[in-house]
């Protein structure tokens, strides 16, 4: 597994999880609880490149 995304809140982490789901990229369950400051999302090493493309792509409807 490789660290893919850190967010300072649940909103960012939840949005990223939604994008990963949409594109069929697996990630382990277990975003830290609400009280945790760090929201780390891990993906499989072989999915890291595809997951990183999500970060670089414009939001849908803005391309």
C-alpha atoms as a PDB file:
ATOM      1  CA  UNK A   1       0.000   0.000   0.000  1.00  0.00           C
ATOM      2  CA  UNK A   2       1.098   3.554  -0.673  1.00  0.00           C
ATOM      3  CA  UNK A   3      -0.045   6.750   0.971  1.00  0.00           C
ATOM      4  CA  UNK A   4      -2.078   8.599  -1.601  1.00  0.00           C
ATOM      5  CA  UNK A   5      -3.937  11.463   0.036  1.00  0.00           C
ATOM      6  CA  UNK A   6      -3.972  13.398   3.303  1.00  0.00           C
ATOM      7  CA  UNK A   7      -6.776  15.780   4.103  1.00  0.00           C
ATOM      8  CA  UNK A   8      -7.353  18.018   7.071  1.00  0.00           C
ATOM      9  CA  UNK A   9     -11.025  17.110   7.306  1.00  0.00           C
ATOM     10  CA  UNK A  10     -13.646  14.542   6.480  1.00  0.00           C
ATOM     11  CA  UNK A  11     -15.105  16.518   3.571  1.00  0.00           C
ATOM     12  CA  UNK A  12     -11.911  16.278   1.513  1.00  0.00           C
ATOM     13  CA  UNK A  13     -11.298  12.653   2.446  1.00  0.00           C
ATOM     14  CA  UNK A  14     -14.879  11.652   1.675  1.00  0.00           C
ATOM     15  CA  UNK A  15     -14.770  13.407  -1.714  1.00  0.00           C
ATOM     16  CA  UNK A  16     -11.556  11.607  -2.604  1.00  0.00           C
ATOM     17  CA  UNK A  17     -13.052   8.251  -1.569  1.00  0.00           C
ATOM     18  CA  UNK A  18     -16.044   8.975  -3.825  1.00  0.00           C
ATOM     19  CA  UNK A  19     -13.712   9.683  -6.762  1.00  0.00           C
ATOM     20  CA  UNK A  20     -11.748   6.487  -6.128  1.00  0.00           C
ATOM     21  CA  UNK A  21     -14.983   4.486  -6.022  1.00  0.00           C
ATOM     22  CA  UNK A  22     -16.214   6.065  -9.281  1.00  0.00           C
ATOM     23  CA  UNK A  23     -13.050   4.974 -11.046  1.00  0.00           C
ATOM     24  CA  UNK A  24     -12.888   1.505  -9.498  1.00  0.00           C
ATOM     25  CA  UNK A  25      -9.691   2.083  -7.531  1.00  0.00           C
ATOM     26  CA  UNK A  26      -9.537  -0.018  -4.386  1.00  0.00           C
ATOM     27  CA  UNK A  27      -8.591   1.530  -1.062  1.00  0.00           C
ATOM     28  CA  UNK A  28      -8.737   0.040   2.412  1.00  0.00           C
ATOM     29  CA  UNK A  29     -11.603   1.021   4.649  1.00  0.00           C
ATOM     30  CA  UNK A  30     -10.721   2.986   7.712  1.00  0.00           C
ATOM     31  CA  UNK A  31     -10.505   6.712   7.172  1.00  0.00           C
ATOM     32  CA  UNK A  32      -9.577   7.878  10.669  1.00  0.00           C
ATOM     33  CA  UNK A  33     -12.436   9.009  12.901  1.00  0.00           C
ATOM     34  CA  UNK A  34     -13.816  12.561  12.863  1.00  0.00           C
ATOM     35  CA  UNK A  35     -11.716  13.634  15.846  1.00  0.00           C
ATOM     36  CA  UNK A  36      -8.472  12.652  14.129  1.00  0.00           C
ATOM     37  CA  UNK A  37      -6.669  15.518  12.409  1.00  0.00           C
ATOM     38  CA  UNK A  38      -5.131  13.351   9.733  1.00  0.00           C
ATOM     39  CA  UNK A  39      -7.306  11.766   7.064  1.00  0.00           C
ATOM     40  CA  UNK A  40      -4.939   9.446   5.236  1.00  0.00           C
ATOM     41  CA  UNK A  41      -6.083   7.341   2.296  1.00  0.00           C
ATOM     42  CA  UNK A  42      -3.941   4.459   1.103  1.00  0.00           C
ATOM     43  CA  UNK A  43      -4.147   2.766  -2.291  1.00  0.00           C
ATOM     44  CA  UNK A  44      -2.406  -0.289  -3.715  1.00  0.00           C
ATOM     45  CA  UNK A  45       0.974   0.552  -5.223  1.00  0.00           C
ATOM     46  CA  UNK A  46      -0.202  -0.613  -8.649  1.00  0.00           C
ATOM     47  CA  UNK A  47      -3.163   1.827  -8.461  1.00  0.00           C
ATOM     48  CA  UNK A  48      -1.123   4.822  -7.306  1.00  0.00           C
ATOM     49  CA  UNK A  49      -0.559   6.295 -10.774  1.00  0.00           C
ATOM     50  CA  UNK A  50      -4.270   6.118 -11.642  1.00  0.00           C
ATOM     51  CA  UNK A  51      -5.199   7.611  -8.284  1.00  0.00           C
ATOM     52  CA  UNK A  52      -2.742  10.481  -8.779  1.00  0.00           C
ATOM     53  CA  UNK A  53      -4.355  11.278 -12.140  1.00  0.00           C
ATOM     54  CA  UNK A  54      -7.572  11.960 -10.232  1.00  0.00           C
ATOM     55  CA  UNK A  55      -5.813  14.748  -8.326  1.00  0.00           C
ATOM     56  CA  UNK A  56      -4.545  16.308 -11.552  1.00  0.00           C
ATOM     57  CA  UNK A  57      -7.810  16.142 -13.477  1.00  0.00           C
ATOM     58  CA  UNK A  58     -10.316  19.009 -13.403  1.00  0.00           C
ATOM     59  CA  UNK A  59     -13.585  18.389 -11.563  1.00  0.00           C
ATOM     60  CA  UNK A  60     -16.298  16.968 -13.790  1.00  0.00           C
ATOM     61  CA  UNK A  61     -18.211  19.652 -15.605  1.00  0.00           C
ATOM     62  CA  UNK A  62     -15.251  22.062 -15.629  1.00  0.00           C
ATOM     63  CA  UNK A  63     -13.200  20.555 -18.466  1.00  0.00           C
END
